[in-house]
Amino acid sequence: MTSFGVEVQSVAVSDYVPGELLNDGYDSLISMVNWPEQAGVIASDFLADRVHFKGKQLHIGRNMRDDEKQYFSGTWKELSHRQYRLEDEKNRFSQVLPFQDQSVVLENTQGQTVGRLKTQELAPEEYPFGVIENGHAFLPMFERKGAVFLESLDVISQWLERLESEKMSRPFLTISDFNPLRDMSVATYLQEELVKTTYPYILSSTSVSQNNTILPYKLFTNALRAFASTGVIFLETPVVNNVDLNDQRALKQLMEQQISLLVDRHVYPVGISAPGYWNQDLQYQEDGLAISDTVILRENPPIERVFYRNQTGESITYKNALFDLPYDYLSGIEWTDKDNPNDYRFPMPTTISFSFPNSKKEVDHLIQEVKEAPIVFSVSEADQHFTVQTQTQKIEFRNNRFFLNNQIVNGLADTGASTVEKQRFTGLFSFFFSITNNILIGVVTLTLIILIILFMIGRKNYRSKYINKEEDK
């Protein structure tokens, strides 16, 4: 929803406060039922308030209540033990869905329908997938991948009444999970191969706030500069392994320090990439995401690796909030035109991401997937305007050029770093250790020479003795 430019307050029904829905000025409501057996028990206060809610509503899943059904014409049917094929209403794609134990559908409706569900039977039945009527909408299911996701996006965008000119865009090509520990020879090969695809791209990378003078960091930033010559760099937020609320909110300082060190190496990150849950935490928003007007919101990690600092459930909006869709999430979709890429356009800013490869063989596979992707990637990156603002630096990407503190950056200079300067050690005992090393080397060398001489003398004596014995015989 953030990518649609909508401010959202997420509330678990178990945490709902009576009156909250009616008193806090909400104009829309999404009821997502992902635990239908218990939804009515734990949500009684919410259900009572929803009856009096005057805004538009979207219901996702089962347990459709009478106060919601009243907005729709047609007949509600509860089906069990069905498998469906979901077909796009524009006949662009379809997909056979996993087996459904229970499902709810609406037939014979007068509302606007999006997509078709066809049962996989000898005598197939057909039902609308999404329905929009009287400003309200219904989705029988939701997933973050496949045809269900694409059709759900169409329903949500139309329910939000987004104008056609505002919403449709091709996805950006994104390479994610780059970091200083990657094989830089693989990075070089990937950058060279990406250039051949002619697609602009986003490289999403973590960085460090120390050890910036050692060779690996210099090679890492050299690789980043190479990627930035044909794409743009987004800084991935640090991985959170635990929460220390007494760390004086070190995240902001850490992010700014990483950016400053990158700028020192002529690397200019122009956006931030973070897990989606960061945008529902006040401190993560203020100390991490607020640095940039453009963010990539990635899929959340497993629940055991989600660590909040100040969870509010309130998502804020950005100038550009790109929804990250891993390329693998498109697998299983059958495209009608299998021979040519489809000019499919998402109803909100989107990136299709590939994980950074670990070998040149994986690079070849990634490039092949990019070339054979069923969707055309965006080529309008040069028209974008991205900004990162810290306390000391303002980095912009506009008109296909980089700007630092409002001054154009004249190319991505190579600062060197392919060799390590020979270290000269100094200190109180440096002369002593230097002399000791030389003495030890001399002793070892002399010992080896003596041993070789003794070996040769012994061999000569033994050989002479053996020959004399043979002559006596």
Foldseek 3Di string as FASTA:
>chain_A
DQLLVDKDFDDDLLRDDQPCQPPVDDQEEEAEDPPVVCCCPRNVSVVVVVLVDDHAYEYEADPQDPSRCVQWDADKDKDAFWWWKKAFPVRFWIFTDPTGGIWMFGPPTPFDAGIWTWTPDPDIDIGGQKGAGPLYIYGGHADQFAPRPQRVLVRVCVSVVDDPVQFWAFAAEEEEDAELPADLVLLVLLLVLVVVVVAAHEYEYEYFLDPCPDLSNLSSLVSLQSSLVRYAYAYEQDQDQEDDLPPVLCRLVGVVSRQVSSVVQLHHHQAYEYAQQLQQAVSSCVRPHVQKLAYEHEHDDPPVRDYGDHGRSIGHHGPHYAYEAELCSHPRMGGPPQPAADQGTGRGHYHHYDYRDRDNVVSVVVSVCQVNPNYDHDRCPQCDWTWGHGPQWIWIRHNNFIDIPNHTDDGRDNPDSPDDDDDDDDDDCPVVVVVVVVVVVVVVVVVVVVVVVVVVVVVVVVVVVVVVVVVVD
